[in-house]
Amino acid sequence: MSEITYTMVGDYNLPNLKLPEQTEVTLGRWSQMRRTYLKEHHKILYYNLLTKGILNSHLAEVQQRASELEETLVKQMAEKAGLTEQMKAGDMMKWVCLMNNIRNSAQEIVKNQVIFA
């Protein structure tokens, strides 16, 4: 372990602290949502992950899990609702409305199971 150095600020000696290096990740929709949720509702967990240097890897894992779950749910729900390419070609507006409903339902499930868990 390296020696701790201090900087004099006014009448106080403050430690020169540096966070550990974290891998660069591109935050998607789900990981940004998770980061905001942790920051606002679970501050201790957020700062523990941040100071350990594993926040970005946690967010990347959440992004991957949430995206895969959303994709799987949309496929399953579309099959169950009977959405086909024939319906898409025949009645585009009906297909779009049903698909939007399915996508919104899947996103709510992802939020409850992955993001806010």
C-alpha atoms as a PDB file:
ATOM      1  CA  MET A   1       0.000   0.000   0.000  1.00  0.00           C
ATOM      2  CA  SER A   2       1.305   3.447  -0.831  1.00  0.00           C
ATOM      3  CA  GLU A   3       1.834   6.189   1.677  1.00  0.00           C
ATOM      4  CA  ILE A   4      -0.980   8.707   2.122  1.00  0.00           C
ATOM      5  CA  THR A   5      -0.037  12.288   1.326  1.00  0.00           C
ATOM      6  CA  TYR A   6      -1.852  15.389   2.478  1.00  0.00           C
ATOM      7  CA  THR A   7      -2.471  18.867   1.139  1.00  0.00           C
ATOM      8  CA  MET A   8      -2.906  21.878   3.400  1.00  0.00           C
ATOM      9  CA  VAL A   9      -6.181  23.668   2.625  1.00  0.00           C
ATOM     10  CA  GLY A  10      -6.699  26.613   4.944  1.00  0.00           C
ATOM     11  CA  ASP A  11      -6.204  25.228   8.450  1.00  0.00           C
ATOM     12  CA  TYR A  12      -6.852  21.608   7.468  1.00  0.00           C
ATOM     13  CA  ASN A  13      -4.721  18.793   6.100  1.00  0.00           C
ATOM     14  CA  LEU A  14      -6.819  16.934   3.534  1.00  0.00           C
ATOM     15  CA  PRO A  15      -5.736  13.523   2.191  1.00  0.00           C
ATOM     16  CA  ASN A  16      -4.882  13.286  -1.503  1.00  0.00           C
ATOM     17  CA  LEU A  17      -7.300  10.532  -2.452  1.00  0.00           C
ATOM     18  CA  LYS A  18      -7.770   9.093  -5.919  1.00  0.00           C
ATOM     19  CA  LEU A  19     -10.458   6.693  -7.102  1.00  0.00           C
ATOM     20  CA  PRO A  20      -9.294   3.436  -8.664  1.00  0.00           C
ATOM     21  CA  GLU A  21      -9.187   3.262 -12.450  1.00  0.00           C
ATOM     22  CA  GLN A  22     -12.405   2.011 -14.038  1.00  0.00           C
ATOM     23  CA  THR A  23     -12.953   0.507 -17.442  1.00  0.00           C
ATOM     24  CA  GLU A  24     -14.569   2.787 -19.982  1.00  0.00           C
ATOM     25  CA  VAL A  25     -18.060   1.688 -20.941  1.00  0.00           C
ATOM     26  CA  THR A  26     -20.739   3.295 -23.029  1.00  0.00           C
ATOM     27  CA  LEU A  27     -23.786   3.675 -20.844  1.00  0.00           C
ATOM     28  CA  GLY A  28     -27.019   2.718 -22.534  1.00  0.00           C
ATOM     29  CA  ARG A  29     -30.556   3.515 -21.524  1.00  0.00           C
ATOM     30  CA  TRP A  30     -30.790   0.776 -18.896  1.00  0.00           C
ATOM     31  CA  SER A  31     -27.440   1.441 -17.263  1.00  0.00           C
ATOM     32  CA  GLN A  32     -28.156   5.170 -17.021  1.00  0.00           C
ATOM     33  CA  MET A  33     -31.495   4.369 -15.408  1.00  0.00           C
ATOM     34  CA  ARG A  34     -29.787   2.014 -12.926  1.00  0.00           C
ATOM     35  CA  ARG A  35     -27.094   4.583 -12.074  1.00  0.00           C
ATOM     36  CA  THR A  36     -29.736   7.260 -11.414  1.00  0.00           C
ATOM     37  CA  TYR A  37     -31.762   4.841  -9.292  1.00  0.00           C
ATOM     38  CA  LEU A  38     -28.731   3.874  -7.199  1.00  0.00           C
ATOM     39  CA  LYS A  39     -27.667   7.507  -6.811  1.00  0.00           C
ATOM     40  CA  GLU A  40     -31.094   8.631  -5.617  1.00  0.00           C
ATOM     41  CA  HIS A  41     -32.353   5.635  -3.622  1.00  0.00           C
ATOM     42  CA  HIS A  42     -29.328   3.512  -2.623  1.00  0.00           C
ATOM     43  CA  LYS A  43     -26.546   6.012  -2.032  1.00  0.00           C
ATOM     44  CA  ILE A  44     -24.427   3.682   0.109  1.00  0.00           C
ATOM     45  CA  LEU A  45     -24.392   0.939  -2.534  1.00  0.00           C
ATOM     46  CA  TYR A  46     -23.688   3.525  -5.254  1.00  0.00           C
ATOM     47  CA  TYR A  47     -20.691   4.995  -3.411  1.00  0.00           C
ATOM     48  CA  ASN A  48     -19.401   1.540  -2.416  1.00  0.00           C
ATOM     49  CA  LEU A  49     -19.408   0.464  -6.067  1.00  0.00           C
ATOM     50  CA  LEU A  50     -17.840   3.766  -7.106  1.00  0.00           C
ATOM     51  CA  THR A  51     -15.019   3.712  -4.565  1.00  0.00           C
ATOM     52  CA  LYS A  52     -14.223   0.029  -5.246  1.00  0.00           C
ATOM     53  CA  GLY A  53     -13.925   0.872  -8.930  1.00  0.00           C
ATOM     54  CA  ILE A  54     -16.595  -1.583 -10.061  1.00  0.00           C
ATOM     55  CA  LEU A  55     -19.498   0.760 -10.789  1.00  0.00           C
ATOM     56  CA  ASN A  56     -18.918   0.760 -14.552  1.00  0.00           C
ATOM     57  CA  SER A  57     -18.675  -3.028 -14.733  1.00  0.00           C
ATOM     58  CA  HIS A  58     -21.869  -3.301 -12.662  1.00  0.00           C
ATOM     59  CA  LEU A  59     -23.659  -0.900 -14.997  1.00  0.00           C
ATOM     60  CA  ALA A  60     -22.391  -2.754 -18.077  1.00  0.00           C
ATOM     61  CA  GLU A  61     -23.701  -6.036 -16.670  1.00  0.00           C
ATOM     62  CA  VAL A  62     -27.082  -4.447 -15.874  1.00  0.00           C
ATOM     63  CA  GLN A  63     -27.240  -3.034 -19.428  1.00  0.00           C
ATOM     64  CA  GLN A  64     -26.566  -6.451 -20.937  1.00  0.00           C
ATOM     65  CA  ARG A  65     -29.037  -8.311 -18.686  1.00  0.00           C
ATOM     66  CA  ALA A  66     -31.787  -5.733 -19.233  1.00  0.00           C
ATOM     67  CA  SER A  67     -31.333  -5.652 -23.023  1.00  0.00           C
ATOM     68  CA  GLU A  68     -31.406  -9.442 -23.289  1.00  0.00           C
ATOM     69  CA  LEU A  69     -34.475  -9.700 -21.060  1.00  0.00           C
ATOM     70  CA  GLU A  70     -36.311  -7.007 -23.025  1.00  0.00           C
ATOM     71  CA  GLU A  71     -35.530  -8.680 -26.343  1.00  0.00           C
ATOM     72  CA  THR A  72     -36.645 -12.099 -25.062  1.00  0.00           C
ATOM     73  CA  LEU A  73     -39.856 -10.752 -23.562  1.00  0.00           C
ATOM     74  CA  VAL A  74     -40.803  -8.840 -26.716  1.00  0.00           C
ATOM     75  CA  LYS A  75     -40.296 -11.965 -28.859  1.00  0.00           C
ATOM     76  CA  GLN A  76     -42.293 -14.170 -26.503  1.00  0.00           C
ATOM     77  CA  MET A  77     -45.135 -11.695 -26.082  1.00  0.00           C
ATOM     78  CA  ALA A  78     -45.344 -11.026 -29.827  1.00  0.00           C
ATOM     79  CA  GLU A  79     -45.581 -14.749 -30.559  1.00  0.00           C
ATOM     80  CA  LYS A  80     -48.234 -15.180 -27.882  1.00  0.00           C
ATOM     81  CA  ALA A  81     -50.248 -12.247 -29.273  1.00  0.00           C
ATOM     82  CA  GLY A  82     -49.993 -13.665 -32.791  1.00  0.00           C
ATOM     83  CA  LEU A  83     -48.075 -10.807 -34.361  1.00  0.00           C
ATOM     84  CA  THR A  84     -46.779 -12.023 -37.713  1.00  0.00           C
ATOM     85  CA  GLU A  85     -45.200 -10.550 -40.799  1.00  0.00           C
ATOM     86  CA  GLN A  86     -48.495 -11.135 -42.593  1.00  0.00           C
ATOM     87  CA  MET A  87     -50.311  -8.947 -40.068  1.00  0.00           C
ATOM     88  CA  LYS A  88     -47.583  -6.339 -40.466  1.00  0.00           C
ATOM     89  CA  ALA A  89     -48.055  -6.326 -44.238  1.00  0.00           C
ATOM     90  CA  GLY A  90     -51.856  -6.398 -44.024  1.00  0.00           C
ATOM     91  CA  ASP A  91     -52.645  -3.909 -41.276  1.00  0.00           C
ATOM     92  CA  MET A  92     -49.523  -1.917 -40.416  1.00  0.00           C
ATOM     93  CA  MET A  93     -51.167   0.466 -37.918  1.00  0.00           C
ATOM     94  CA  LYS A  94     -52.706  -2.345 -35.874  1.00  0.00           C
ATOM     95  CA  TRP A  95     -49.379  -4.185 -35.853  1.00  0.00           C
ATOM     96  CA  VAL A  96     -47.524  -1.035 -34.709  1.00  0.00           C
ATOM     97  CA  CYS A  97     -50.052  -0.373 -31.915  1.00  0.00           C
ATOM     98  CA  LEU A  98     -49.831  -3.945 -30.641  1.00  0.00           C
ATOM     99  CA  MET A  99     -46.041  -3.988 -30.878  1.00  0.00           C
ATOM    100  CA  ASN A 100     -45.759  -0.689 -28.984  1.00  0.00           C
ATOM    101  CA  ASN A 101     -47.994  -2.096 -26.227  1.00  0.00           C
ATOM    102  CA  ILE A 102     -45.871  -5.230 -26.033  1.00  0.00           C
ATOM    103  CA  ARG A 103     -42.624  -3.237 -25.959  1.00  0.00           C
ATOM    104  CA  ASN A 104     -43.933  -0.966 -23.188  1.00  0.00           C
ATOM    105  CA  SER A 105     -45.062  -3.976 -21.143  1.00  0.00           C
ATOM    106  CA  ALA A 106     -41.683  -5.646 -21.581  1.00  0.00           C
ATOM    107  CA  GLN A 107     -39.871  -2.462 -20.535  1.00  0.00           C
ATOM    108  CA  GLU A 108     -41.962  -2.206 -17.351  1.00  0.00           C
ATOM    109  CA  ILE A 109     -41.070  -5.804 -16.493  1.00  0.00           C
ATOM    110  CA  VAL A 110     -37.371  -5.082 -17.099  1.00  0.00           C
ATOM    111  CA  LYS A 111     -37.528  -2.019 -14.856  1.00  0.00           C
ATOM    112  CA  ASN A 112     -39.087  -4.011 -12.015  1.00  0.00           C
ATOM    113  CA  GLN A 113     -36.864  -7.080 -12.323  1.00  0.00           C
ATOM    114  CA  VAL A 114     -33.479  -5.614 -13.245  1.00  0.00           C
ATOM    115  CA  ILE A 115     -33.271  -1.851 -12.742  1.00  0.00           C
ATOM    116  CA  PHE A 116     -35.187  -1.347  -9.476  1.00  0.00           C
ATOM    117  CA  ALA A 117     -34.242  -4.698  -7.896  1.00  0.00           C
END
